Amino acid sequence: MLNENAQRWVAALRSGEYTQTTGRLRNGDAFCCLGVACDLFDSSQWTRDYDYEFDRYGVPDSVRDSLGLRDNAGANDNCASLAYHNDTGSSFADIADIIESEPPGLFRAM
């Protein structure tokens, strides 16, 4: 079962409030799926339109931990990270479905 923060992230991905981008966490007003998580859980850390203070290519440990993810890029045991899905054409709704399916290795064992 997804923790409360992961549920909020899935809801935000499905909300239509975020425009999707690829190749970076944020590009102006557009976000990748991981950038949405950063924006939700610590938006004060954005230093520019595309940089997050901690890690430009994945979520910082604090965001990873709040979501319960095993990996900062959202990788799972199939080696298909959420960042990969985002950057190869999966929509936010598709990514929300992946998160909800809890593929092996995406989340840390609780």
C-alpha atoms as a PDB file:
ATOM      1  CA  MET A   1       0.000   0.000   0.000  1.00  0.00           C
ATOM      2  CA  LEU A   2       1.338   3.432  -0.923  1.00  0.00           C
ATOM      3  CA  ASN A   3       2.155   5.738   1.943  1.00  0.00           C
ATOM      4  CA  GLU A   4       0.203   8.991   2.281  1.00  0.00           C
ATOM      5  CA  ASN A   5       2.893  11.064   0.522  1.00  0.00           C
ATOM      6  CA  ALA A   6       3.076   8.677  -2.422  1.00  0.00           C
ATOM      7  CA  GLN A   7      -0.730   8.847  -2.668  1.00  0.00           C
ATOM      8  CA  ARG A   8      -0.533  12.674  -2.777  1.00  0.00           C
ATOM      9  CA  TRP A   9       2.119  12.411  -5.523  1.00  0.00           C
ATOM     10  CA  VAL A  10      -0.074  10.089  -7.612  1.00  0.00           C
ATOM     11  CA  ALA A  11      -3.018  12.475  -7.162  1.00  0.00           C
ATOM     12  CA  ALA A  12      -0.867  15.431  -8.268  1.00  0.00           C
ATOM     13  CA  LEU A  13       0.292  13.533 -11.359  1.00  0.00           C
ATOM     14  CA  ARG A  14      -3.352  12.899 -12.287  1.00  0.00           C
ATOM     15  CA  SER A  15      -4.594  16.369 -11.326  1.00  0.00           C
ATOM     16  CA  GLY A  16      -3.881  18.133 -14.611  1.00  0.00           C
ATOM     17  CA  GLU A  17      -2.233  20.948 -12.621  1.00  0.00           C
ATOM     18  CA  TYR A  18       1.273  20.083 -13.849  1.00  0.00           C
ATOM     19  CA  THR A  19       2.615  20.336 -17.387  1.00  0.00           C
ATOM     20  CA  GLN A  20       5.048  17.595 -18.300  1.00  0.00           C
ATOM     21  CA  THR A  21       8.627  18.075 -19.531  1.00  0.00           C
ATOM     22  CA  THR A  22      11.519  15.713 -20.196  1.00  0.00           C
ATOM     23  CA  GLY A  23      15.227  15.682 -19.541  1.00  0.00           C
ATOM     24  CA  ARG A  24      15.203  17.610 -16.272  1.00  0.00           C
ATOM     25  CA  LEU A  25      13.206  17.924 -13.093  1.00  0.00           C
ATOM     26  CA  ARG A  26      11.746  21.269 -14.110  1.00  0.00           C
ATOM     27  CA  ASN A  27      11.784  23.528 -17.132  1.00  0.00           C
ATOM     28  CA  GLY A  28      10.018  26.792 -16.342  1.00  0.00           C
ATOM     29  CA  ASP A  29       6.463  25.823 -15.440  1.00  0.00           C
ATOM     30  CA  ALA A  30       6.796  22.220 -16.678  1.00  0.00           C
ATOM     31  CA  PHE A  31       7.963  19.270 -14.570  1.00  0.00           C
ATOM     32  CA  CYS A  32       8.985  15.664 -14.965  1.00  0.00           C
ATOM     33  CA  CYS A  33       7.237  13.155 -12.710  1.00  0.00           C
ATOM     34  CA  LEU A  34      10.074  13.400 -10.176  1.00  0.00           C
ATOM     35  CA  GLY A  35      10.003  17.187 -10.361  1.00  0.00           C
ATOM     36  CA  VAL A  36       6.343  17.059  -9.340  1.00  0.00           C
ATOM     37  CA  ALA A  37       7.419  15.177  -6.216  1.00  0.00           C
ATOM     38  CA  CYS A  38      10.098  17.778  -5.481  1.00  0.00           C
ATOM     39  CA  ASP A  39       7.586  20.577  -5.978  1.00  0.00           C
ATOM     40  CA  LEU A  40       5.072  18.917  -3.665  1.00  0.00           C
ATOM     41  CA  PHE A  41       7.395  18.051  -0.821  1.00  0.00           C
ATOM     42  CA  ASP A  42       9.901  20.909  -0.779  1.00  0.00           C
ATOM     43  CA  SER A  43       9.308  23.580  -3.401  1.00  0.00           C
ATOM     44  CA  SER A  44      11.589  25.972  -1.517  1.00  0.00           C
ATOM     45  CA  GLN A  45      14.616  24.113  -2.868  1.00  0.00           C
ATOM     46  CA  TRP A  46      14.193  25.210  -6.522  1.00  0.00           C
ATOM     47  CA  THR A  47      17.207  27.376  -7.339  1.00  0.00           C
ATOM     48  CA  ARG A  48      16.387  28.106 -10.990  1.00  0.00           C
ATOM     49  CA  ASP A  49      13.756  27.053 -13.493  1.00  0.00           C
ATOM     50  CA  TYR A  50      15.316  23.613 -13.783  1.00  0.00           C
ATOM     51  CA  ASP A  51      17.623  23.029 -10.844  1.00  0.00           C
ATOM     52  CA  TYR A  52      16.707  21.599  -7.506  1.00  0.00           C
ATOM     53  CA  GLU A  53      19.252  22.418  -4.843  1.00  0.00           C
ATOM     54  CA  PHE A  54      20.058  18.802  -4.023  1.00  0.00           C
ATOM     55  CA  ASP A  55      20.100  16.788  -7.246  1.00  0.00           C
ATOM     56  CA  ARG A  56      19.282  17.847 -10.781  1.00  0.00           C
ATOM     57  CA  TYR A  57      18.623  14.316 -12.046  1.00  0.00           C
ATOM     58  CA  GLY A  58      16.705  12.707  -9.232  1.00  0.00           C
ATOM     59  CA  VAL A  59      14.884  13.516  -6.072  1.00  0.00           C
ATOM     60  CA  PRO A  60      16.910  14.376  -2.983  1.00  0.00           C
ATOM     61  CA  ASP A  61      17.078  11.816  -0.204  1.00  0.00           C
ATOM     62  CA  SER A  62      14.485  13.703   1.850  1.00  0.00           C
ATOM     63  CA  VAL A  63      11.893  13.492  -0.952  1.00  0.00           C
ATOM     64  CA  ARG A  64      12.855   9.881  -1.763  1.00  0.00           C
ATOM     65  CA  ASP A  65      12.375   8.943   1.883  1.00  0.00           C
ATOM     66  CA  SER A  66       9.043  10.753   2.220  1.00  0.00           C
ATOM     67  CA  LEU A  67       7.720   8.765  -0.753  1.00  0.00           C
ATOM     68  CA  GLY A  68       9.283   5.485   0.348  1.00  0.00           C
ATOM     69  CA  LEU A  69      11.162   5.087  -2.944  1.00  0.00           C
ATOM     70  CA  ARG A  70      14.172   2.805  -3.011  1.00  0.00           C
ATOM     71  CA  ASP A  71      16.050   4.893  -5.591  1.00  0.00           C
ATOM     72  CA  ASN A  72      16.348   8.632  -6.287  1.00  0.00           C
ATOM     73  CA  ALA A  73      15.373   8.163  -9.972  1.00  0.00           C
ATOM     74  CA  GLY A  74      12.450   5.877  -9.185  1.00  0.00           C
ATOM     75  CA  ALA A  75      14.140   2.718 -10.506  1.00  0.00           C
ATOM     76  CA  ASN A  76      12.638  -0.684  -9.880  1.00  0.00           C
ATOM     77  CA  ASP A  77      13.861  -4.262 -10.256  1.00  0.00           C
ATOM     78  CA  ASN A  78      13.078  -4.182 -13.992  1.00  0.00           C
ATOM     79  CA  CYS A  79      15.626  -1.337 -14.419  1.00  0.00           C
ATOM     80  CA  ALA A  80      12.902   0.909 -15.803  1.00  0.00           C
ATOM     81  CA  SER A  81      13.017   4.056 -13.708  1.00  0.00           C
ATOM     82  CA  LEU A  82      10.174   6.522 -13.476  1.00  0.00           C
ATOM     83  CA  ALA A  83      12.573   9.086 -14.974  1.00  0.00           C
ATOM     84  CA  TYR A  84      13.017   6.781 -17.993  1.00  0.00           C
ATOM     85  CA  HIS A  85       9.252   6.391 -18.389  1.00  0.00           C
ATOM     86  CA  ASN A  86       8.810  10.149 -18.143  1.00  0.00           C
ATOM     87  CA  ASP A  87      11.499  10.873 -20.737  1.00  0.00           C
ATOM     88  CA  THR A  88      10.354   8.253 -23.253  1.00  0.00           C
ATOM     89  CA  GLY A  89       6.763   9.374 -23.657  1.00  0.00           C
ATOM     90  CA  SER A  90       4.739   7.949 -20.785  1.00  0.00           C
ATOM     91  CA  SER A  91       2.126  10.422 -19.627  1.00  0.00           C
ATOM     92  CA  PHE A  92       1.727  11.459 -16.015  1.00  0.00           C
ATOM     93  CA  ALA A  93      -1.381   9.230 -15.859  1.00  0.00           C
ATOM     94  CA  ASP A  94       0.662   6.269 -17.150  1.00  0.00           C
ATOM     95  CA  ILE A  95       3.352   6.944 -14.557  1.00  0.00           C
ATOM     96  CA  ALA A  96       0.726   7.228 -11.804  1.00  0.00           C
ATOM     97  CA  ASP A  97      -0.529   3.775 -12.865  1.00  0.00           C
ATOM     98  CA  ILE A  98       3.018   2.401 -12.644  1.00  0.00           C
ATOM     99  CA  ILE A  99       3.479   3.877  -9.171  1.00  0.00           C
ATOM    100  CA  GLU A 100       0.151   2.453  -7.992  1.00  0.00           C
ATOM    101  CA  SER A 101       1.053  -0.994  -9.329  1.00  0.00           C
ATOM    102  CA  GLU A 102       4.056  -0.907  -6.962  1.00  0.00           C
ATOM    103  CA  PRO A 103       6.464  -2.847  -9.203  1.00  0.00           C
ATOM    104  CA  PRO A 104       9.033  -4.907  -7.276  1.00  0.00           C
ATOM    105  CA  GLY A 105      11.872  -2.733  -6.066  1.00  0.00           C
ATOM    106  CA  LEU A 106      10.231   0.667  -6.611  1.00  0.00           C
ATOM    107  CA  PHE A 107       9.495   1.115  -2.915  1.00  0.00           C
ATOM    108  CA  ARG A 108      11.560   0.136   0.106  1.00  0.00           C
ATOM    109  CA  ALA A 109      10.205  -2.667   2.228  1.00  0.00           C
ATOM    110  CA  MET A 110       8.389  -1.219   5.193  1.00  0.00           C
END
